Amino acid sequence: MDADDTQVMTRTGEFTTTVSWETPVRGRVAAAVDRLSGPLADLLERDANDGDTRMLVADFFSVGLNFSKYQDMTTEYRTSGDSIDYAIMLEGKLFAPVEVRRIGQELDQRNIQMSRRLAADEGAEWVILTNGRRWRVYHLRPDGEGGNTPVEVLDVDLLDADAYHRNIDALFHLTRESVDHGRLDALRQWKEAVEAAPLAEVLRGDAVVAAIRDQLLAATGHRGHAGDAEEIRRALTDTVVARGLLPSGE
């Protein structure tokens, strides 16, 4: 990668490399959040209805996330008798049903039952649930029995001032550019990787065991002995990692 196409950014002490297209996209998301914060607060104050909330949601999809109202979005998407508020269409196929609730309504997974059925019928993997203020994005993980389990990948509250920078970073992954570059799916894979069972396997891997061994040798002054790495792995398996997270037979 060319050096001109990268830059180092810091967010809450974490360093990441960003390619050239990311910076303007993040800036656009931030500008959209700033622009819509006033109308969003007004909607909340008057407990606006579903229709008014949908208008704000459509604006944010267009202005902030760069999904075209005329090419990428369709209203009242219907299949098998079910109808949802919006659908994000990419290359002629359903990418994600969008369920919109009025701004004052609390959100939970019961709100996406219809979208889950629709997505399963259409082969889509994503569902978006929002009340304008709160944005939740679910990946529909196949359950091995022909169904799916919604796994939350994003949860953003646009009126949480303390989470402003985290919100921008999260919503960046939902932009059209990030979807096209595979960044939303990469975030999904990261979320899966930091679940308990995969982390348990990483903890017992050679790299982690070697790092623990180095730390313990430095702390104790011990020079090492035959089998010390396996001793650490055995201790992790027997006393640190929950038994239910280990592969069967261990």
C-alpha atoms as a PDB file:
ATOM      1  CA  MET A   1       0.000   0.000   0.000  1.00  0.00           C
ATOM      2  CA  ASP A   2       1.366   3.415  -0.987  1.00  0.00           C
ATOM      3  CA  ALA A   3       2.407   5.614   1.923  1.00  0.00           C
ATOM      4  CA  ASP A   4       0.304   8.474   0.541  1.00  0.00           C
ATOM      5  CA  ASP A   5      -2.791   6.317   0.901  1.00  0.00           C
ATOM      6  CA  THR A   6      -2.362   5.722   4.629  1.00  0.00           C
ATOM      7  CA  GLN A   7      -2.341   7.724   7.788  1.00  0.00           C
ATOM      8  CA  VAL A   8      -2.185   6.913  11.474  1.00  0.00           C
ATOM      9  CA  MET A   9      -5.164   7.984  13.557  1.00  0.00           C
ATOM     10  CA  THR A  10      -5.720   7.749  17.282  1.00  0.00           C
ATOM     11  CA  ARG A  11      -9.061   7.215  18.956  1.00  0.00           C
ATOM     12  CA  THR A  12      -9.132   6.709  22.716  1.00  0.00           C
ATOM     13  CA  GLY A  13      -5.510   5.610  22.604  1.00  0.00           C
ATOM     14  CA  GLU A  14      -6.043   2.982  19.907  1.00  0.00           C
ATOM     15  CA  PHE A  15      -4.032   3.252  16.697  1.00  0.00           C
ATOM     16  CA  THR A  16      -5.286   2.147  13.326  1.00  0.00           C
ATOM     17  CA  THR A  17      -4.273   2.560   9.709  1.00  0.00           C
ATOM     18  CA  THR A  18      -6.835   4.150   7.433  1.00  0.00           C
ATOM     19  CA  VAL A  19      -6.853   4.128   3.639  1.00  0.00           C
ATOM     20  CA  SER A  20      -7.511   7.273   1.637  1.00  0.00           C
ATOM     21  CA  TRP A  21     -11.255   6.827   1.135  1.00  0.00           C
ATOM     22  CA  GLU A  22     -11.974   6.418   4.845  1.00  0.00           C
ATOM     23  CA  THR A  23     -11.240   9.963   5.994  1.00  0.00           C
ATOM     24  CA  PRO A  24     -13.846  11.741   3.825  1.00  0.00           C
ATOM     25  CA  VAL A  25     -16.399   9.032   4.577  1.00  0.00           C
ATOM     26  CA  ARG A  26     -15.905   9.411   8.326  1.00  0.00           C
ATOM     27  CA  GLY A  27     -16.131  13.176   7.907  1.00  0.00           C
ATOM     28  CA  ARG A  28     -19.402  12.843   6.009  1.00  0.00           C
ATOM     29  CA  VAL A  29     -20.879  10.606   8.721  1.00  0.00           C
ATOM     30  CA  ALA A  30     -19.833  13.076  11.425  1.00  0.00           C
ATOM     31  CA  ALA A  31     -21.311  16.007   9.483  1.00  0.00           C
ATOM     32  CA  ALA A  32     -24.599  14.132   9.042  1.00  0.00           C
ATOM     33  CA  VAL A  33     -24.794  13.297  12.739  1.00  0.00           C
ATOM     34  CA  ASP A  34     -24.143  16.945  13.601  1.00  0.00           C
ATOM     35  CA  ARG A  35     -26.707  18.152  11.084  1.00  0.00           C
ATOM     36  CA  LEU A  36     -29.440  15.802  12.235  1.00  0.00           C
ATOM     37  CA  SER A  37     -28.881  16.176  15.971  1.00  0.00           C
ATOM     38  CA  GLY A  38     -31.216  19.186  16.179  1.00  0.00           C
ATOM     39  CA  PRO A  39     -34.105  17.635  14.227  1.00  0.00           C
ATOM     40  CA  LEU A  40     -33.576  14.402  16.167  1.00  0.00           C
ATOM     41  CA  ALA A  41     -33.890  16.209  19.495  1.00  0.00           C
ATOM     42  CA  ASP A  42     -37.045  17.963  18.232  1.00  0.00           C
ATOM     43  CA  LEU A  43     -38.605  14.641  17.214  1.00  0.00           C
ATOM     44  CA  LEU A  44     -37.832  13.195  20.621  1.00  0.00           C
ATOM     45  CA  GLU A  45     -39.250  16.212  22.457  1.00  0.00           C
ATOM     46  CA  ARG A  46     -42.614  15.971  20.685  1.00  0.00           C
ATOM     47  CA  ASP A  47     -42.612  12.159  20.638  1.00  0.00           C
ATOM     48  CA  ALA A  48     -42.953  12.122  16.854  1.00  0.00           C
ATOM     49  CA  ASN A  49     -44.866   9.375  15.092  1.00  0.00           C
ATOM     50  CA  ASP A  50     -43.539   6.607  12.863  1.00  0.00           C
ATOM     51  CA  GLY A  51     -43.923   8.621   9.663  1.00  0.00           C
ATOM     52  CA  ASP A  52     -41.883  11.586  10.855  1.00  0.00           C
ATOM     53  CA  THR A  53     -39.217   9.256  12.193  1.00  0.00           C
ATOM     54  CA  ARG A  54     -39.035   7.464   8.847  1.00  0.00           C
ATOM     55  CA  MET A  55     -38.314  10.740   7.058  1.00  0.00           C
ATOM     56  CA  LEU A  56     -35.330  11.424   9.314  1.00  0.00           C
ATOM     57  CA  VAL A  57     -34.092   7.855   8.900  1.00  0.00           C
ATOM     58  CA  ALA A  58     -34.282   8.137   5.108  1.00  0.00           C
ATOM     59  CA  ASP A  59     -32.324  11.396   5.251  1.00  0.00           C
ATOM     60  CA  PHE A  60     -29.579   9.818   7.341  1.00  0.00           C
ATOM     61  CA  PHE A  61     -29.294   6.820   5.020  1.00  0.00           C
ATOM     62  CA  SER A  62     -28.899   9.220   2.101  1.00  0.00           C
ATOM     63  CA  VAL A  63     -26.838  12.081   3.562  1.00  0.00           C
ATOM     64  CA  GLY A  64     -24.729  10.206   6.097  1.00  0.00           C
ATOM     65  CA  LEU A  65     -24.479   6.627   4.888  1.00  0.00           C
ATOM     66  CA  ASN A  66     -24.532   7.370   1.136  1.00  0.00           C
ATOM     67  CA  PHE A  67     -27.320   5.008   0.115  1.00  0.00           C
ATOM     68  CA  SER A  68     -29.254   6.531  -2.755  1.00  0.00           C
ATOM     69  CA  LYS A  69     -32.942   7.084  -2.018  1.00  0.00           C
ATOM     70  CA  TYR A  70     -33.703   6.246  -5.631  1.00  0.00           C
ATOM     71  CA  GLN A  71     -31.346   3.374  -6.411  1.00  0.00           C
ATOM     72  CA  ASP A  72     -30.434   1.658  -3.130  1.00  0.00           C
ATOM     73  CA  MET A  73     -33.581   2.118  -1.030  1.00  0.00           C
ATOM     74  CA  THR A  74     -37.149   1.064  -1.517  1.00  0.00           C
ATOM     75  CA  THR A  75     -40.168   1.654   0.730  1.00  0.00           C
ATOM     76  CA  GLU A  76     -42.783  -0.814   1.920  1.00  0.00           C
ATOM     77  CA  TYR A  77     -40.760  -3.779   0.660  1.00  0.00           C
ATOM     78  CA  ARG A  78     -43.076  -6.749   0.505  1.00  0.00           C
ATOM     79  CA  THR A  79     -42.660 -10.479   0.124  1.00  0.00           C
ATOM     80  CA  SER A  80     -44.797 -13.455   1.170  1.00  0.00           C
ATOM     81  CA  GLY A  81     -47.407 -11.045   2.507  1.00  0.00           C
ATOM     82  CA  ASP A  82     -44.983  -9.273   4.869  1.00  0.00           C
ATOM     83  CA  SER A  83     -44.114  -5.600   4.488  1.00  0.00           C
ATOM     84  CA  ILE A  84     -41.270  -3.629   6.071  1.00  0.00           C
ATOM     85  CA  ASP A  85     -40.510   0.089   6.167  1.00  0.00           C
ATOM     86  CA  TYR A  86     -37.439   0.130   3.956  1.00  0.00           C
ATOM     87  CA  ALA A  87     -35.148  -2.262   2.188  1.00  0.00           C
ATOM     88  CA  ILE A  88     -31.554  -1.650   1.176  1.00  0.00           C
ATOM     89  CA  MET A  89     -31.036  -3.099  -2.289  1.00  0.00           C
ATOM     90  CA  LEU A  90     -27.546  -3.643  -3.719  1.00  0.00           C
ATOM     91  CA  GLU A  91     -27.034  -4.891  -7.254  1.00  0.00           C
ATOM     92  CA  GLY A  92     -30.704  -5.780  -7.467  1.00  0.00           C
ATOM     93  CA  LYS A  93     -30.672  -8.007  -4.379  1.00  0.00           C
ATOM     94  CA  LEU A  94     -31.901  -7.434  -0.840  1.00  0.00           C
ATOM     95  CA  PHE A  95     -28.973  -6.472   1.373  1.00  0.00           C
ATOM     96  CA  ALA A  96     -30.866  -5.565   4.559  1.00  0.00           C
ATOM     97  CA  PRO A  97     -34.465  -5.002   5.618  1.00  0.00           C
ATOM     98  CA  VAL A  98     -34.847  -1.826   7.693  1.00  0.00           C
ATOM     99  CA  GLU A  99     -37.389  -1.687  10.512  1.00  0.00           C
ATOM    100  CA  VAL A 100     -38.243   1.816  11.753  1.00  0.00           C
ATOM    101  CA  ARG A 101     -40.051   2.517  15.000  1.00  0.00           C
ATOM    102  CA  ARG A 102     -41.197   5.882  16.304  1.00  0.00           C
ATOM    103  CA  ILE A 103     -38.460   7.770  18.066  1.00  0.00           C
ATOM    104  CA  GLY A 104     -39.830   7.272  21.571  1.00  0.00           C
ATOM    105  CA  GLN A 105     -40.192   3.500  21.278  1.00  0.00           C
ATOM    106  CA  GLU A 106     -37.718   1.172  22.931  1.00  0.00           C
ATOM    107  CA  LEU A 107     -36.061  -1.349  20.618  1.00  0.00           C
ATOM    108  CA  ASP A 108     -35.511  -5.055  21.097  1.00  0.00           C
ATOM    109  CA  GLN A 109     -35.142  -8.173  18.970  1.00  0.00           C
ATOM    110  CA  ARG A 110     -38.892  -8.760  18.908  1.00  0.00           C
ATOM    111  CA  ASN A 111     -39.088  -5.804  16.529  1.00  0.00           C
ATOM    112  CA  ILE A 112     -37.215  -7.667  13.785  1.00  0.00           C
ATOM    113  CA  GLN A 113     -39.177 -10.920  13.566  1.00  0.00           C
ATOM    114  CA  MET A 114     -40.757  -9.964  10.246  1.00  0.00           C
ATOM    115  CA  SER A 115     -37.411  -8.790   8.867  1.00  0.00           C
ATOM    116  CA  ARG A 116     -35.758 -12.046   9.888  1.00  0.00           C
ATOM    117  CA  ARG A 117     -38.343 -14.041   7.952  1.00  0.00           C
ATOM    118  CA  LEU A 118     -38.034 -11.763   4.947  1.00  0.00           C
ATOM    119  CA  ALA A 119     -34.249 -11.864   4.992  1.00  0.00           C
ATOM    120  CA  ALA A 120     -34.265 -15.662   5.230  1.00  0.00           C
ATOM    121  CA  ASP A 121     -36.627 -15.871   2.244  1.00  0.00           C
ATOM    122  CA  GLU A 122     -34.468 -13.499   0.193  1.00  0.00           C
ATOM    123  CA  GLY A 123     -31.033 -14.769   1.247  1.00  0.00           C
ATOM    124  CA  ALA A 124     -30.037 -11.545   3.048  1.00  0.00           C
ATOM    125  CA  GLU A 125     -27.702 -11.660   6.063  1.00  0.00           C
ATOM    126  CA  TRP A 126     -28.362  -8.270   7.677  1.00  0.00           C
ATOM    127  CA  VAL A 127     -31.216  -6.486   9.448  1.00  0.00           C
ATOM    128  CA  ILE A 128     -31.247  -2.849  10.545  1.00  0.00           C
ATOM    129  CA  LEU A 129     -33.507  -1.662  13.374  1.00  0.00           C
ATOM    130  CA  THR A 130     -33.806   2.005  14.310  1.00  0.00           C
ATOM    131  CA  ASN A 131     -36.009   4.601  15.943  1.00  0.00           C
ATOM    132  CA  GLY A 132     -33.894   7.422  14.501  1.00  0.00           C
ATOM    133  CA  ARG A 133     -32.005   7.903  17.721  1.00  0.00           C
ATOM    134  CA  ARG A 134     -30.900   4.303  18.309  1.00  0.00           C
ATOM    135  CA  TRP A 135     -29.423   2.260  15.479  1.00  0.00           C
ATOM    136  CA  ARG A 136     -28.989  -1.479  15.848  1.00  0.00           C
ATOM    137  CA  VAL A 137     -27.528  -3.688  13.132  1.00  0.00           C
ATOM    138  CA  TYR A 138     -27.885  -7.452  13.319  1.00  0.00           C
ATOM    139  CA  HIS A 139     -26.120 -10.189  11.399  1.00  0.00           C
ATOM    140  CA  LEU A 140     -28.308 -13.244  10.868  1.00  0.00           C
ATOM    141  CA  ARG A 141     -26.077 -16.162  11.780  1.00  0.00           C
ATOM    142  CA  PRO A 142     -27.253 -19.517  10.351  1.00  0.00           C
ATOM    143  CA  ASP A 143     -28.195 -21.883  13.158  1.00  0.00           C
ATOM    144  CA  GLY A 144     -27.539 -25.103  11.222  1.00  0.00           C
ATOM    145  CA  GLU A 145     -31.209 -26.042  11.238  1.00  0.00           C
ATOM    146  CA  GLY A 146     -32.405 -23.844   8.398  1.00  0.00           C
ATOM    147  CA  GLY A 147     -33.033 -20.837  10.645  1.00  0.00           C
ATOM    148  CA  ASN A 148     -30.928 -17.962  11.879  1.00  0.00           C
ATOM    149  CA  THR A 149     -29.904 -16.226  15.070  1.00  0.00           C
ATOM    150  CA  PRO A 150     -29.667 -12.418  15.113  1.00  0.00           C
ATOM    151  CA  VAL A 151     -26.296 -11.305  16.466  1.00  0.00           C
ATOM    152  CA  GLU A 152     -25.898  -7.616  17.259  1.00  0.00           C
ATOM    153  CA  VAL A 153     -22.934  -6.061  15.445  1.00  0.00           C
ATOM    154  CA  LEU A 154     -23.689  -2.346  15.946  1.00  0.00           C
ATOM    155  CA  ASP A 155     -25.573  -0.452  18.649  1.00  0.00           C
ATOM    156  CA  VAL A 156     -25.489   3.346  18.409  1.00  0.00           C
ATOM    157  CA  ASP A 157     -27.322   6.043  20.366  1.00  0.00           C
ATOM    158  CA  LEU A 158     -26.999   9.281  18.403  1.00  0.00           C
ATOM    159  CA  LEU A 159     -28.022  11.405  21.381  1.00  0.00           C
ATOM    160  CA  ASP A 160     -25.321   9.995  23.671  1.00  0.00           C
ATOM    161  CA  ALA A 161     -22.831  12.877  23.592  1.00  0.00           C
ATOM    162  CA  ASP A 162     -20.206  10.879  25.507  1.00  0.00           C
ATOM    163  CA  ALA A 163     -20.219   8.224  22.772  1.00  0.00           C
ATOM    164  CA  TYR A 164     -19.922  10.674  19.861  1.00  0.00           C
ATOM    165  CA  HIS A 165     -16.603   9.422  18.483  1.00  0.00           C
ATOM    166  CA  ARG A 166     -17.498   5.769  19.062  1.00  0.00           C
ATOM    167  CA  ASN A 167     -20.777   6.362  17.247  1.00  0.00           C
ATOM    168  CA  ILE A 168     -19.037   7.863  14.224  1.00  0.00           C
ATOM    169  CA  ASP A 169     -16.631   4.944  14.119  1.00  0.00           C
ATOM    170  CA  ALA A 170     -19.470   2.428  14.387  1.00  0.00           C
ATOM    171  CA  LEU A 171     -21.690   4.084  11.771  1.00  0.00           C
ATOM    172  CA  PHE A 172     -18.725   4.332   9.394  1.00  0.00           C
ATOM    173  CA  HIS A 173     -19.009   0.545   8.992  1.00  0.00           C
ATOM    174  CA  LEU A 174     -22.616   0.912   7.840  1.00  0.00           C
ATOM    175  CA  THR A 175     -21.839   3.313   4.986  1.00  0.00           C
ATOM    176  CA  ARG A 176     -22.215   2.252   1.374  1.00  0.00           C
ATOM    177  CA  GLU A 177     -18.448   2.546   0.895  1.00  0.00           C
ATOM    178  CA  SER A 178     -17.679   0.310   3.872  1.00  0.00           C
ATOM    179  CA  VAL A 179     -20.191  -2.285   2.740  1.00  0.00           C
ATOM    180  CA  ASP A 180     -18.649  -2.262  -0.745  1.00  0.00           C
ATOM    181  CA  HIS A 181     -15.126  -2.627   0.696  1.00  0.00           C
ATOM    182  CA  GLY A 182     -16.153  -5.490   2.994  1.00  0.00           C
ATOM    183  CA  ARG A 183     -15.595  -3.508   6.174  1.00  0.00           C
ATOM    184  CA  LEU A 184     -19.004  -4.281   7.690  1.00  0.00           C
ATOM    185  CA  ASP A 185     -18.449  -8.001   7.184  1.00  0.00           C
ATOM    186  CA  ALA A 186     -14.920  -7.703   8.593  1.00  0.00           C
ATOM    187  CA  LEU A 187     -16.405  -6.080  11.711  1.00  0.00           C
ATOM    188  CA  ARG A 188     -18.848  -8.975  11.935  1.00  0.00           C
ATOM    189  CA  GLN A 189     -15.959 -11.439  11.814  1.00  0.00           C
ATOM    190  CA  TRP A 190     -14.142  -9.462  14.530  1.00  0.00           C
ATOM    191  CA  LYS A 191     -17.234  -9.591  16.761  1.00  0.00           C
ATOM    192  CA  GLU A 192     -17.373 -13.350  16.290  1.00  0.00           C
ATOM    193  CA  ALA A 193     -13.655 -13.680  17.012  1.00  0.00           C
ATOM    194  CA  VAL A 194     -13.962 -11.968  20.400  1.00  0.00           C
ATOM    195  CA  GLU A 195     -16.756 -14.250  21.586  1.00  0.00           C
ATOM    196  CA  ALA A 196     -15.888 -16.487  24.505  1.00  0.00           C
ATOM    197  CA  ALA A 197     -15.182 -19.774  22.697  1.00  0.00           C
ATOM    198  CA  PRO A 198     -12.815 -18.371  20.015  1.00  0.00           C
ATOM    199  CA  LEU A 199     -10.981 -16.324  22.654  1.00  0.00           C
ATOM    200  CA  ALA A 200     -10.584 -19.422  24.795  1.00  0.00           C
ATOM    201  CA  GLU A 201      -8.887 -21.149  21.872  1.00  0.00           C
ATOM    202  CA  VAL A 202      -6.598 -18.167  21.258  1.00  0.00           C
ATOM    203  CA  LEU A 203      -5.596 -18.126  24.933  1.00  0.00           C
ATOM    204  CA  ARG A 204      -4.263 -21.656  24.620  1.00  0.00           C
ATOM    205  CA  GLY A 205      -2.448 -21.004  21.337  1.00  0.00           C
ATOM    206  CA  ASP A 206       1.310 -21.063  20.946  1.00  0.00           C
ATOM    207  CA  ALA A 207       1.732 -17.282  20.647  1.00  0.00           C
ATOM    208  CA  VAL A 208      -0.176 -16.495  23.838  1.00  0.00           C
ATOM    209  CA  VAL A 209       1.456 -19.314  25.784  1.00  0.00           C
ATOM    210  CA  ALA A 210       4.892 -18.074  24.683  1.00  0.00           C
ATOM    211  CA  ALA A 211       4.035 -14.507  25.767  1.00  0.00           C
ATOM    212  CA  ILE A 212       2.815 -15.730  29.171  1.00  0.00           C
ATOM    213  CA  ARG A 213       5.967 -17.845  29.581  1.00  0.00           C
ATOM    214  CA  ASP A 214       8.175 -14.810  28.881  1.00  0.00           C
ATOM    215  CA  GLN A 215       6.278 -12.703  31.410  1.00  0.00           C
ATOM    216  CA  LEU A 216       6.469 -15.381  34.089  1.00  0.00           C
ATOM    217  CA  LEU A 217      10.174 -16.041  33.516  1.00  0.00           C
ATOM    218  CA  ALA A 218      10.888 -12.320  33.846  1.00  0.00           C
ATOM    219  CA  ALA A 219       8.788 -12.076  37.011  1.00  0.00           C
ATOM    220  CA  THR A 220      10.279 -15.114  38.751  1.00  0.00           C
ATOM    221  CA  GLY A 221      13.886 -15.160  37.561  1.00  0.00           C
ATOM    222  CA  HIS A 222      13.408 -18.804  36.538  1.00  0.00           C
ATOM    223  CA  ARG A 223      15.534 -19.833  33.533  1.00  0.00           C
ATOM    224  CA  GLY A 224      12.917 -22.180  32.140  1.00  0.00           C
ATOM    225  CA  HIS A 225      12.646 -25.956  32.109  1.00  0.00           C
ATOM    226  CA  ALA A 226      11.534 -28.735  29.792  1.00  0.00           C
ATOM    227  CA  GLY A 227       7.762 -28.742  29.351  1.00  0.00           C
ATOM    228  CA  ASP A 228       7.133 -25.306  30.859  1.00  0.00           C
ATOM    229  CA  ALA A 229       4.997 -24.209  27.872  1.00  0.00           C
ATOM    230  CA  GLU A 230       2.788 -27.261  28.227  1.00  0.00           C
ATOM    231  CA  GLU A 231       2.568 -26.602  31.956  1.00  0.00           C
ATOM    232  CA  ILE A 232       1.173 -23.136  31.209  1.00  0.00           C
ATOM    233  CA  ARG A 233      -1.252 -24.506  28.615  1.00  0.00           C
ATOM    234  CA  ARG A 234      -2.431 -27.142  31.088  1.00  0.00           C
ATOM    235  CA  ALA A 235      -2.964 -24.479  33.762  1.00  0.00           C
ATOM    236  CA  LEU A 236      -4.986 -22.384  31.336  1.00  0.00           C
ATOM    237  CA  THR A 237      -7.070 -25.401  30.374  1.00  0.00           C
ATOM    238  CA  ASP A 238      -7.637 -26.652  33.917  1.00  0.00           C
ATOM    239  CA  THR A 239      -8.075 -23.448  35.913  1.00  0.00           C
ATOM    240  CA  VAL A 240      -8.521 -20.365  33.701  1.00  0.00           C
ATOM    241  CA  VAL A 241     -10.617 -21.196  30.636  1.00  0.00           C
ATOM    242  CA  ALA A 242     -14.161 -22.263  31.452  1.00  0.00           C
ATOM    243  CA  ARG A 243     -14.623 -25.981  30.751  1.00  0.00           C
ATOM    244  CA  GLY A 244     -17.698 -25.384  28.627  1.00  0.00           C
ATOM    245  CA  LEU A 245     -15.673 -23.305  26.163  1.00  0.00           C
ATOM    246  CA  LEU A 246     -13.150 -26.022  25.369  1.00  0.00           C
ATOM    247  CA  PRO A 247     -13.495 -28.436  22.435  1.00  0.00           C
ATOM    248  CA  SER A 248     -15.210 -31.687  23.368  1.00  0.00           C
ATOM    249  CA  GLY A 249     -12.891 -34.287  24.851  1.00  0.00           C
ATOM    250  CA  GLU A 250     -10.659 -31.798  26.646  1.00  0.00           C
END
